[in-house]
Amino acid sequence: MGGTDGLEAGATAAPYGRAVVYREKLPRRWMIATSVVLVFWVVYQAGILLPEDRAVWFVILGFSAFLGLVFNAVPISKRIYNRVHVRDGRLTVGRETIPVDSLTVDSLREAREQPTDAEFVASLASRSREEIAEIRRRSSTTGKPRIMGGGWSVPMGMDQIVVQTAQGEPLLIATHHREALLDALTRARQA
């Protein structure tokens, strides 16, 4: 499954336990494209303004650096909070690491059956107000899952899975490739 959208996922020769390796790279196209455009703009302005209007060029350089930060704030935060690795029997999401053995097998099985965001929205559109009220009531009694790795919510363009630890804590994991992640977690859990 490697090569699409920056995914580099796979397992070594041994299919179980600590030999499972999964690494999810986040897409870089947007960051590269915005950086190239801004560098081109700064170089173009340097050709026009330098050496006479050096102060104006430094203002353009600073503003372009600010725009680069603004345009790339979401990809940078995805790299900090939503980087996913499964290696040596440990699941790392962003800056948080837990042992894969602490995840329940039942929750991994249930995560495969969870609808994607698009499927969930479509199912809500077909329900009555009473059914939606019942779903809200049930979800408020179970409690909201904690987003693993930190952050406020699942970033746009990413899917999510909810798994549960052996202590009963529900964890929400943001991912670009849910099936590949669930395969790696299942293989790592079957030690």
N, C-alpha and C. Protein backbone atom coordinates (compact mmCIF):
# COMPACT_ATOMS: atom_id res chain seq x y z
N MET A 1 0.82 -1.20 0.00
CA MET A 1 0.00 0.00 0.00
C MET A 1 0.85 1.25 0.00
N GLY A 2 2.14 1.14 -0.20
CA GLY A 2 3.00 2.30 -0.14
C GLY A 2 2.90 3.15 -1.39
N GLY A 3 3.21 4.42 -1.24
CA GLY A 3 3.31 5.29 -2.39
C GLY A 3 2.16 6.26 -2.58
N THR A 4 0.99 6.00 -2.04
CA THR A 4 -0.11 6.91 -2.26
C THR A 4 -0.24 7.86 -1.08
N ASP A 5 -0.33 9.12 -1.38
CA ASP A 5 -0.53 10.17 -0.38
C ASP A 5 0.50 10.12 0.74
N GLY A 6 1.71 9.72 0.41
CA GLY A 6 2.76 9.74 1.42
C GLY A 6 2.71 8.60 2.40
N LEU A 7 1.94 7.55 2.11
CA LEU A 7 1.84 6.43 3.04
C LEU A 7 3.02 5.52 2.87
N GLU A 8 3.60 5.14 3.97
CA GLU A 8 4.64 4.13 3.95
C GLU A 8 4.28 3.15 5.03
N ALA A 9 3.51 2.13 4.68
CA ALA A 9 3.05 1.17 5.66
C ALA A 9 3.48 -0.21 5.23
N GLY A 10 3.80 -1.03 6.18
CA GLY A 10 4.16 -2.39 5.83
C GLY A 10 4.59 -3.16 7.05
N ALA A 11 4.79 -4.45 6.87
CA ALA A 11 5.24 -5.30 7.95
C ALA A 11 6.49 -6.02 7.50
N THR A 12 7.32 -6.35 8.45
CA THR A 12 8.50 -7.13 8.12
C THR A 12 8.06 -8.57 7.88
N ALA A 13 9.02 -9.47 7.65
CA ALA A 13 8.71 -10.84 7.28
C ALA A 13 7.86 -11.55 8.32
N ALA A 14 8.10 -11.32 9.61
CA ALA A 14 7.32 -11.99 10.64
C ALA A 14 5.99 -11.29 10.81
N PRO A 15 4.86 -12.02 10.77
CA PRO A 15 3.56 -11.37 10.78
C PRO A 15 3.02 -11.01 12.15
N TYR A 16 3.67 -11.40 13.26
CA TYR A 16 3.08 -11.17 14.57
C TYR A 16 4.02 -10.44 15.51
N GLY A 17 3.42 -9.86 16.54
CA GLY A 17 4.17 -9.30 17.66
C GLY A 17 4.99 -8.07 17.34
N ARG A 18 6.18 -8.03 17.89
CA ARG A 18 7.02 -6.85 17.82
C ARG A 18 7.61 -6.60 16.44
N ALA A 19 7.50 -7.57 15.53
CA ALA A 19 8.06 -7.40 14.19
C ALA A 19 7.21 -6.50 13.31
N VAL A 20 5.98 -6.19 13.70
CA VAL A 20 5.10 -5.36 12.89
C VAL A 20 5.59 -3.92 12.92
N VAL A 21 5.72 -3.34 11.73
CA VAL A 21 6.14 -1.95 11.60
C VAL A 21 5.14 -1.24 10.70
N TYR A 22 4.62 -0.13 11.16
CA TYR A 22 3.70 0.69 10.38
C TYR A 22 4.09 2.13 10.60
N ARG A 23 4.22 2.86 9.52
CA ARG A 23 4.55 4.28 9.62
C ARG A 23 3.70 5.04 8.63
N GLU A 24 2.96 6.01 9.11
CA GLU A 24 2.09 6.79 8.26
C GLU A 24 2.71 8.16 8.06
N LYS A 25 3.12 8.42 6.83
CA LYS A 25 3.64 9.75 6.51
C LYS A 25 2.48 10.63 6.08
N LEU A 26 2.55 11.86 6.47
CA LEU A 26 1.51 12.80 6.07
C LEU A 26 1.87 13.42 4.73
N PRO A 27 0.86 13.81 3.95
CA PRO A 27 1.12 14.39 2.63
C PRO A 27 1.95 15.67 2.74
N ARG A 28 2.87 15.84 1.78
CA ARG A 28 3.74 17.01 1.78
C ARG A 28 3.50 17.93 0.59
N ARG A 29 2.64 17.55 -0.32
CA ARG A 29 2.46 18.32 -1.57
C ARG A 29 2.10 19.77 -1.30
N TRP A 30 1.20 20.01 -0.37
CA TRP A 30 0.75 21.37 -0.09
C TRP A 30 1.90 22.23 0.42
N MET A 31 2.69 21.69 1.35
CA MET A 31 3.81 22.46 1.91
C MET A 31 4.84 22.76 0.84
N ILE A 32 5.13 21.79 -0.01
CA ILE A 32 6.10 22.00 -1.08
C ILE A 32 5.58 23.03 -2.07
N ALA A 33 4.31 22.92 -2.46
CA ALA A 33 3.74 23.85 -3.45
C ALA A 33 3.73 25.28 -2.93
N THR A 34 3.28 25.49 -1.69
CA THR A 34 3.25 26.86 -1.16
C THR A 34 4.64 27.42 -0.98
N SER A 35 5.59 26.59 -0.57
CA SER A 35 6.97 27.06 -0.40
C SER A 35 7.57 27.47 -1.74
N VAL A 36 7.34 26.67 -2.78
CA VAL A 36 7.88 27.00 -4.11
C VAL A 36 7.29 28.31 -4.62
N VAL A 37 5.98 28.48 -4.47
CA VAL A 37 5.33 29.71 -4.94
C VAL A 37 5.89 30.93 -4.18
N LEU A 38 6.02 30.81 -2.86
CA LEU A 38 6.51 31.95 -2.08
C LEU A 38 7.98 32.25 -2.38
N VAL A 39 8.80 31.23 -2.56
CA VAL A 39 10.21 31.45 -2.90
C VAL A 39 10.31 32.11 -4.27
N PHE A 40 9.51 31.65 -5.23
CA PHE A 40 9.49 32.27 -6.56
C PHE A 40 9.11 33.75 -6.45
N TRP A 41 8.10 34.05 -5.64
CA TRP A 41 7.65 35.42 -5.45
C TRP A 41 8.76 36.30 -4.85
N VAL A 42 9.44 35.79 -3.84
CA VAL A 42 10.51 36.56 -3.19
C VAL A 42 11.67 36.78 -4.15
N VAL A 43 12.05 35.78 -4.92
CA VAL A 43 13.15 35.91 -5.87
C VAL A 43 12.76 36.90 -6.98
N TYR A 44 11.53 36.82 -7.44
CA TYR A 44 11.05 37.76 -8.46
C TYR A 44 11.11 39.20 -7.94
N GLN A 45 10.65 39.40 -6.73
CA GLN A 45 10.69 40.74 -6.14
C GLN A 45 12.12 41.21 -5.91
N ALA A 46 13.01 40.28 -5.56
CA ALA A 46 14.42 40.65 -5.37
C ALA A 46 15.03 41.15 -6.68
N GLY A 47 14.66 40.51 -7.78
CA GLY A 47 15.16 40.95 -9.08
C GLY A 47 14.70 42.35 -9.43
N ILE A 48 13.53 42.71 -8.97
CA ILE A 48 12.98 44.03 -9.27
C ILE A 48 13.50 45.08 -8.29
N LEU A 49 13.52 44.78 -7.00
CA LEU A 49 13.76 45.77 -5.96
C LEU A 49 15.22 45.93 -5.54
N LEU A 50 15.99 44.88 -5.59
CA LEU A 50 17.37 44.97 -5.10
C LEU A 50 18.29 45.59 -6.13
N PRO A 51 19.28 46.31 -5.81
CA PRO A 51 19.77 46.69 -4.48
C PRO A 51 19.19 48.01 -3.99
N GLU A 52 18.41 48.73 -4.82
CA GLU A 52 17.97 50.07 -4.43
C GLU A 52 16.97 50.05 -3.27
N ASP A 53 15.96 49.19 -3.34
CA ASP A 53 14.89 49.19 -2.34
C ASP A 53 15.02 47.98 -1.41
N ARG A 54 16.12 47.91 -0.72
CA ARG A 54 16.40 46.78 0.15
C ARG A 54 15.38 46.68 1.29
N ALA A 55 14.96 47.79 1.87
CA ALA A 55 14.00 47.77 2.99
C ALA A 55 12.65 47.20 2.54
N VAL A 56 12.20 47.58 1.36
CA VAL A 56 10.92 47.07 0.84
C VAL A 56 11.03 45.56 0.61
N TRP A 57 12.19 45.13 0.09
CA TRP A 57 12.36 43.70 -0.15
C TRP A 57 12.35 42.91 1.16
N PHE A 58 12.94 43.45 2.23
CA PHE A 58 12.92 42.76 3.52
C PHE A 58 11.50 42.69 4.08
N VAL A 59 10.70 43.71 3.84
CA VAL A 59 9.29 43.67 4.26
C VAL A 59 8.56 42.56 3.49
N ILE A 60 8.81 42.47 2.18
CA ILE A 60 8.19 41.41 1.37
C ILE A 60 8.67 40.04 1.83
N LEU A 61 9.94 39.93 2.17
CA LEU A 61 10.50 38.67 2.66
C LEU A 61 9.83 38.26 3.97
N GLY A 62 9.68 39.19 4.90
CA GLY A 62 9.03 38.89 6.17
C GLY A 62 7.57 38.53 6.00
N PHE A 63 6.86 39.29 5.14
CA PHE A 63 5.45 38.99 4.89
C PHE A 63 5.30 37.62 4.23
N SER A 64 6.21 37.27 3.33
CA SER A 64 6.15 35.97 2.67
C SER A 64 6.41 34.84 3.66
N ALA A 65 7.33 35.06 4.59
CA ALA A 65 7.57 34.05 5.64
C ALA A 65 6.33 33.88 6.51
N PHE A 66 5.66 34.98 6.85
CA PHE A 66 4.42 34.91 7.61
C PHE A 66 3.35 34.15 6.84
N LEU A 67 3.20 34.45 5.55
CA LEU A 67 2.22 33.73 4.73
C LEU A 67 2.55 32.23 4.66
N GLY A 68 3.84 31.91 4.56
CA GLY A 68 4.24 30.50 4.56
C GLY A 68 3.82 29.80 5.83
N LEU A 69 3.96 30.47 6.96
CA LEU A 69 3.52 29.90 8.24
C LEU A 69 2.01 29.74 8.28
N VAL A 70 1.28 30.76 7.82
CA VAL A 70 -0.19 30.69 7.83
C VAL A 70 -0.68 29.57 6.91
N PHE A 71 -0.14 29.50 5.70
CA PHE A 71 -0.59 28.48 4.74
C PHE A 71 -0.24 27.06 5.19
N ASN A 72 0.81 26.91 5.99
CA ASN A 72 1.27 25.58 6.38
C ASN A 72 1.02 25.25 7.84
N ALA A 73 0.22 26.03 8.53
CA ALA A 73 -0.04 25.79 9.95
C ALA A 73 -0.73 24.45 10.17
N VAL A 74 -1.71 24.11 9.35
CA VAL A 74 -2.43 22.84 9.52
C VAL A 74 -1.53 21.65 9.23
N PRO A 75 -0.78 21.63 8.11
CA PRO A 75 0.13 20.49 7.91
C PRO A 75 1.19 20.35 9.00
N ILE A 76 1.67 21.49 9.52
CA ILE A 76 2.67 21.42 10.59
C ILE A 76 2.04 20.83 11.86
N SER A 77 0.81 21.25 12.19
CA SER A 77 0.16 20.70 13.39
C SER A 77 -0.17 19.22 13.20
N LYS A 78 -0.49 18.81 11.96
CA LYS A 78 -0.72 17.38 11.72
C LYS A 78 0.56 16.59 11.96
N ARG A 79 1.69 17.16 11.59
CA ARG A 79 2.96 16.47 11.82
C ARG A 79 3.26 16.34 13.32
N ILE A 80 2.87 17.33 14.10
CA ILE A 80 3.15 17.30 15.54
C ILE A 80 2.19 16.35 16.26
N TYR A 81 0.89 16.49 15.99
CA TYR A 81 -0.11 15.78 16.78
C TYR A 81 -0.60 14.48 16.17
N ASN A 82 -0.50 14.27 14.86
CA ASN A 82 -1.14 13.12 14.23
C ASN A 82 -0.21 12.20 13.45
N ARG A 83 1.05 12.20 13.76
CA ARG A 83 2.00 11.27 13.15
C ARG A 83 1.77 9.91 13.80
N VAL A 84 1.56 8.85 12.99
CA VAL A 84 1.20 7.53 13.52
C VAL A 84 2.32 6.54 13.20
N HIS A 85 2.78 5.81 14.23
CA HIS A 85 3.79 4.76 14.08
C HIS A 85 3.37 3.56 14.93
N VAL A 86 3.54 2.36 14.39
CA VAL A 86 3.43 1.14 15.18
C VAL A 86 4.77 0.44 15.01
N ARG A 87 5.51 0.32 16.11
CA ARG A 87 6.84 -0.28 16.05
C ARG A 87 7.19 -0.85 17.42
N ASP A 88 7.81 -2.01 17.42
CA ASP A 88 8.27 -2.65 18.65
C ASP A 88 7.15 -2.84 19.68
N GLY A 89 5.96 -3.16 19.20
CA GLY A 89 4.84 -3.40 20.11
C GLY A 89 4.28 -2.14 20.75
N ARG A 90 4.58 -0.98 20.17
CA ARG A 90 4.11 0.29 20.73
C ARG A 90 3.42 1.10 19.64
N LEU A 91 2.35 1.77 20.02
CA LEU A 91 1.62 2.67 19.13
C LEU A 91 1.97 4.10 19.54
N THR A 92 2.49 4.86 18.58
CA THR A 92 2.84 6.25 18.84
C THR A 92 1.99 7.13 17.93
N VAL A 93 1.26 8.05 18.55
CA VAL A 93 0.48 9.04 17.81
C VAL A 93 0.93 10.40 18.32
N GLY A 94 1.56 11.17 17.43
CA GLY A 94 2.10 12.47 17.83
C GLY A 94 3.16 12.30 18.88
N ARG A 95 2.93 12.87 20.05
CA ARG A 95 3.90 12.81 21.14
C ARG A 95 3.52 11.78 22.20
N GLU A 96 2.49 10.99 21.94
CA GLU A 96 2.01 10.03 22.93
C GLU A 96 2.27 8.60 22.47
N THR A 97 2.74 7.76 23.38
CA THR A 97 3.04 6.36 23.07
C THR A 97 2.38 5.46 24.09
N ILE A 98 1.73 4.38 23.59
CA ILE A 98 1.14 3.38 24.47
C ILE A 98 1.52 2.00 23.93
N PRO A 99 1.53 0.97 24.79
CA PRO A 99 1.77 -0.38 24.29
C PRO A 99 0.55 -0.87 23.51
N VAL A 100 0.80 -1.56 22.41
CA VAL A 100 -0.32 -2.10 21.61
C VAL A 100 -1.08 -3.13 22.42
N ASP A 101 -0.40 -3.84 23.32
CA ASP A 101 -1.06 -4.85 24.15
C ASP A 101 -2.11 -4.25 25.06
N SER A 102 -2.07 -2.94 25.31
CA SER A 102 -3.07 -2.32 26.18
C SER A 102 -4.39 -2.07 25.45
N LEU A 103 -4.42 -2.24 24.12
CA LEU A 103 -5.66 -2.10 23.37
C LEU A 103 -6.41 -3.43 23.38
N THR A 104 -7.72 -3.38 23.55
CA THR A 104 -8.50 -4.62 23.57
C THR A 104 -8.73 -5.12 22.16
N VAL A 105 -8.75 -6.45 22.02
CA VAL A 105 -8.98 -7.08 20.72
C VAL A 105 -10.38 -6.76 20.23
N ASP A 106 -11.35 -6.73 21.15
CA ASP A 106 -12.74 -6.43 20.77
C ASP A 106 -12.87 -5.02 20.20
N SER A 107 -12.15 -4.06 20.79
CA SER A 107 -12.26 -2.69 20.28
C SER A 107 -11.62 -2.56 18.90
N LEU A 108 -10.56 -3.33 18.64
CA LEU A 108 -9.97 -3.30 17.30
C LEU A 108 -10.92 -3.92 16.28
N ARG A 109 -11.63 -4.97 16.69
CA ARG A 109 -12.61 -5.59 15.81
C ARG A 109 -13.78 -4.63 15.55
N GLU A 110 -14.23 -3.95 16.60
CA GLU A 110 -15.33 -2.99 16.45
C GLU A 110 -14.92 -1.79 15.62
N ALA A 111 -13.65 -1.40 15.69
CA ALA A 111 -13.17 -0.24 14.92
C ALA A 111 -13.28 -0.51 13.42
N ARG A 112 -13.13 -1.76 13.00
CA ARG A 112 -13.29 -2.10 11.58
C ARG A 112 -14.72 -1.88 11.11
N GLU A 113 -15.66 -2.04 12.04
CA GLU A 113 -17.08 -1.90 11.69
C GLU A 113 -17.59 -0.47 11.83
N GLN A 114 -16.78 0.41 12.40
CA GLN A 114 -17.20 1.80 12.55
C GLN A 114 -17.34 2.44 11.18
N PRO A 115 -18.39 3.24 10.99
CA PRO A 115 -18.53 3.90 9.68
C PRO A 115 -17.50 5.02 9.52
N THR A 116 -17.16 5.30 8.28
CA THR A 116 -16.31 6.46 8.01
C THR A 116 -17.14 7.71 8.27
N ASP A 117 -16.51 8.85 8.25
CA ASP A 117 -17.23 10.10 8.51
C ASP A 117 -18.35 10.32 7.49
N ALA A 118 -18.06 10.05 6.22
CA ALA A 118 -19.07 10.23 5.17
C ALA A 118 -20.24 9.28 5.36
N GLU A 119 -19.96 8.04 5.73
CA GLU A 119 -21.04 7.08 5.97
C GLU A 119 -21.87 7.48 7.18
N PHE A 120 -21.21 8.02 8.21
CA PHE A 120 -21.93 8.44 9.40
C PHE A 120 -22.87 9.60 9.10
N VAL A 121 -22.39 10.58 8.35
CA VAL A 121 -23.23 11.74 8.00
C VAL A 121 -24.42 11.28 7.15
N ALA A 122 -24.18 10.37 6.21
CA ALA A 122 -25.27 9.86 5.38
C ALA A 122 -26.30 9.11 6.22
N SER A 123 -25.84 8.35 7.22
CA SER A 123 -26.79 7.62 8.06
C SER A 123 -27.59 8.57 8.95
N LEU A 124 -26.98 9.67 9.39
CA LEU A 124 -27.72 10.65 10.19
C LEU A 124 -28.81 11.34 9.37
N ALA A 125 -28.52 11.56 8.10
CA ALA A 125 -29.51 12.24 7.24
C ALA A 125 -30.77 11.40 7.07
N SER A 126 -30.64 10.09 7.18
CA SER A 126 -31.80 9.22 6.97
C SER A 126 -32.55 8.89 8.26
N ARG A 127 -32.15 9.45 9.38
CA ARG A 127 -32.79 9.14 10.66
C ARG A 127 -33.79 10.22 11.06
N SER A 128 -34.72 9.82 11.91
CA SER A 128 -35.72 10.76 12.41
C SER A 128 -35.14 11.52 13.60
N ARG A 129 -35.85 12.55 14.03
CA ARG A 129 -35.38 13.36 15.17
C ARG A 129 -35.33 12.53 16.45
N GLU A 130 -36.27 11.62 16.62
CA GLU A 130 -36.28 10.78 17.82
C GLU A 130 -35.07 9.86 17.84
N GLU A 131 -34.72 9.29 16.69
CA GLU A 131 -33.56 8.41 16.63
C GLU A 131 -32.27 9.18 16.92
N ILE A 132 -32.17 10.39 16.40
CA ILE A 132 -30.99 11.22 16.65
C ILE A 132 -30.90 11.59 18.13
N ALA A 133 -32.05 11.90 18.76
CA ALA A 133 -32.06 12.21 20.19
C ALA A 133 -31.60 11.00 21.00
N GLU A 134 -32.02 9.80 20.61
CA GLU A 134 -31.61 8.58 21.30
C GLU A 134 -30.10 8.34 21.14
N ILE A 135 -29.57 8.59 19.95
CA ILE A 135 -28.13 8.43 19.70
C ILE A 135 -27.34 9.41 20.57
N ARG A 136 -27.82 10.65 20.68
CA ARG A 136 -27.15 11.65 21.52
C ARG A 136 -27.18 11.24 22.98
N ARG A 137 -28.32 10.72 23.43
CA ARG A 137 -28.44 10.30 24.82
C ARG A 137 -27.48 9.16 25.13
N ARG A 138 -27.40 8.18 24.24
CA ARG A 138 -26.49 7.04 24.45
C ARG A 138 -25.03 7.48 24.40
N SER A 139 -24.70 8.39 23.48
CA SER A 139 -23.30 8.81 23.37
C SER A 139 -22.86 9.66 24.55
N SER A 140 -23.79 10.40 25.17
CA SER A 140 -23.41 11.21 26.31
C SER A 140 -23.20 10.36 27.55
N THR A 141 -23.82 9.18 27.63
CA THR A 141 -23.61 8.32 28.79
C THR A 141 -22.29 7.56 28.70
N THR A 142 -21.82 7.28 27.50
CA THR A 142 -20.56 6.53 27.36
C THR A 142 -19.35 7.43 27.50
N GLY A 143 -19.49 8.70 27.30
CA GLY A 143 -18.35 9.61 27.41
C GLY A 143 -17.62 9.75 26.09
N LYS A 144 -16.99 10.89 25.92
CA LYS A 144 -16.27 11.15 24.67
C LYS A 144 -14.88 10.54 24.73
N PRO A 145 -14.41 10.00 23.62
CA PRO A 145 -13.05 9.45 23.62
C PRO A 145 -12.01 10.57 23.62
N ARG A 146 -10.89 10.28 24.23
CA ARG A 146 -9.77 11.24 24.26
C ARG A 146 -9.01 11.12 22.94
N ILE A 147 -8.66 12.26 22.36
CA ILE A 147 -7.90 12.27 21.11
C ILE A 147 -6.45 11.93 21.43
N MET A 148 -6.01 10.82 20.90
CA MET A 148 -4.64 10.38 21.19
C MET A 148 -3.65 11.27 20.44
N GLY A 149 -2.62 11.71 21.12
CA GLY A 149 -1.61 12.57 20.52
C GLY A 149 -1.86 14.03 20.79
N GLY A 150 -3.05 14.38 21.25
CA GLY A 150 -3.36 15.77 21.54
C GLY A 150 -4.12 16.43 20.40
N GLY A 151 -4.36 17.70 20.53
CA GLY A 151 -5.12 18.44 19.53
C GLY A 151 -6.56 18.62 19.98
N TRP A 152 -7.26 19.49 19.26
CA TRP A 152 -8.64 19.81 19.61
C TRP A 152 -9.63 18.85 18.97
N SER A 153 -9.35 18.48 17.73
CA SER A 153 -10.27 17.60 17.01
C SER A 153 -9.50 16.89 15.91
N VAL A 154 -10.21 16.04 15.18
CA VAL A 154 -9.61 15.34 14.05
C VAL A 154 -9.46 16.34 12.91
N PRO A 155 -8.26 16.49 12.36
CA PRO A 155 -8.06 17.47 11.29
C PRO A 155 -8.85 17.10 10.03
N MET A 156 -9.15 18.12 9.26
CA MET A 156 -9.84 17.89 7.99
C MET A 156 -8.98 17.00 7.10
N GLY A 157 -9.62 16.11 6.37
CA GLY A 157 -8.92 15.23 5.47
C GLY A 157 -8.43 13.96 6.12
N MET A 158 -8.66 13.81 7.41
CA MET A 158 -8.23 12.60 8.10
C MET A 158 -9.45 11.84 8.58
N ASP A 159 -9.32 10.53 8.62
CA ASP A 159 -10.38 9.67 9.14
C ASP A 159 -10.08 9.40 10.61
N GLN A 160 -10.98 8.72 11.28
CA GLN A 160 -10.78 8.46 12.70
C GLN A 160 -11.23 7.05 13.05
N ILE A 161 -10.58 6.48 14.05
CA ILE A 161 -11.03 5.22 14.63
C ILE A 161 -11.06 5.40 16.13
N VAL A 162 -11.95 4.67 16.79
CA VAL A 162 -12.05 4.71 18.24
C VAL A 162 -11.74 3.31 18.75
N VAL A 163 -10.73 3.22 19.61
CA VAL A 163 -10.35 1.96 20.23
C VAL A 163 -10.40 2.15 21.74
N GLN A 164 -10.35 1.03 22.46
CA GLN A 164 -10.45 1.10 23.91
C GLN A 164 -9.28 0.38 24.54
N THR A 165 -8.77 0.95 25.62
CA THR A 165 -7.67 0.31 26.33
C THR A 165 -8.23 -0.73 27.29
N ALA A 166 -7.36 -1.55 27.84
CA ALA A 166 -7.77 -2.57 28.80
C ALA A 166 -8.34 -1.93 30.07
N GLN A 167 -7.95 -0.68 30.35
CA GLN A 167 -8.48 0.04 31.52
C GLN A 167 -9.85 0.66 31.24
N GLY A 168 -10.33 0.54 30.02
CA GLY A 168 -11.66 1.05 29.67
C GLY A 168 -11.66 2.46 29.11
N GLU A 169 -10.50 3.04 28.86
CA GLU A 169 -10.43 4.40 28.34
C GLU A 169 -10.58 4.38 26.81
N PRO A 170 -11.59 5.09 26.29
CA PRO A 170 -11.73 5.15 24.83
C PRO A 170 -10.74 6.17 24.24
N LEU A 171 -10.06 5.77 23.16
CA LEU A 171 -9.09 6.63 22.50
C LEU A 171 -9.50 6.84 21.06
N LEU A 172 -9.44 8.07 20.60
CA LEU A 172 -9.73 8.40 19.21
C LEU A 172 -8.39 8.63 18.51
N ILE A 173 -8.18 7.92 17.39
CA ILE A 173 -6.93 8.04 16.64
C ILE A 173 -7.25 8.57 15.25
N ALA A 174 -6.64 9.69 14.89
CA ALA A 174 -6.81 10.28 13.56
C ALA A 174 -5.81 9.61 12.62
N THR A 175 -6.27 9.23 11.43
CA THR A 175 -5.41 8.54 10.49
C THR A 175 -5.82 8.86 9.05
N HIS A 176 -4.88 8.72 8.15
CA HIS A 176 -5.20 8.87 6.73
C HIS A 176 -5.62 7.54 6.12
N HIS A 177 -5.16 6.43 6.70
CA HIS A 177 -5.39 5.11 6.12
C HIS A 177 -5.84 4.16 7.21
N ARG A 178 -7.13 4.18 7.49
CA ARG A 178 -7.65 3.43 8.63
C ARG A 178 -7.48 1.93 8.50
N GLU A 179 -7.68 1.37 7.31
CA GLU A 179 -7.56 -0.08 7.14
C GLU A 179 -6.13 -0.55 7.37
N ALA A 180 -5.16 0.18 6.83
CA ALA A 180 -3.75 -0.19 7.02
C ALA A 180 -3.37 -0.09 8.50
N LEU A 181 -3.84 0.94 9.19
CA LEU A 181 -3.54 1.09 10.61
C LEU A 181 -4.18 -0.03 11.42
N LEU A 182 -5.44 -0.35 11.12
CA LEU A 182 -6.11 -1.42 11.86
C LEU A 182 -5.46 -2.77 11.60
N ASP A 183 -5.01 -3.01 10.36
CA ASP A 183 -4.28 -4.26 10.07
C ASP A 183 -3.01 -4.35 10.89
N ALA A 184 -2.25 -3.25 10.94
CA ALA A 184 -1.00 -3.25 11.71
C ALA A 184 -1.25 -3.43 13.19
N LEU A 185 -2.28 -2.76 13.74
CA LEU A 185 -2.58 -2.91 15.15
C LEU A 185 -3.04 -4.33 15.47
N THR A 186 -3.84 -4.93 14.60
CA THR A 186 -4.32 -6.30 14.82
C THR A 186 -3.16 -7.28 14.79
N ARG A 187 -2.26 -7.12 13.79
CA ARG A 187 -1.10 -8.01 13.71
C ARG A 187 -0.19 -7.84 14.91
N ALA A 188 0.01 -6.60 15.37
CA ALA A 188 0.88 -6.36 16.51
C ALA A 188 0.25 -6.88 17.80
N ARG A 189 -1.06 -6.86 17.87
CA ARG A 189 -1.77 -7.31 19.07
C ARG A 189 -1.78 -8.83 19.19
N GLN A 190 -1.69 -9.55 18.08
CA GLN A 190 -1.75 -11.02 18.07
C GLN A 190 -0.36 -11.60 18.36
N ALA A 191 0.12 -11.36 19.55
CA ALA A 191 1.46 -11.87 19.90
C ALA A 191 1.37 -13.22 20.58
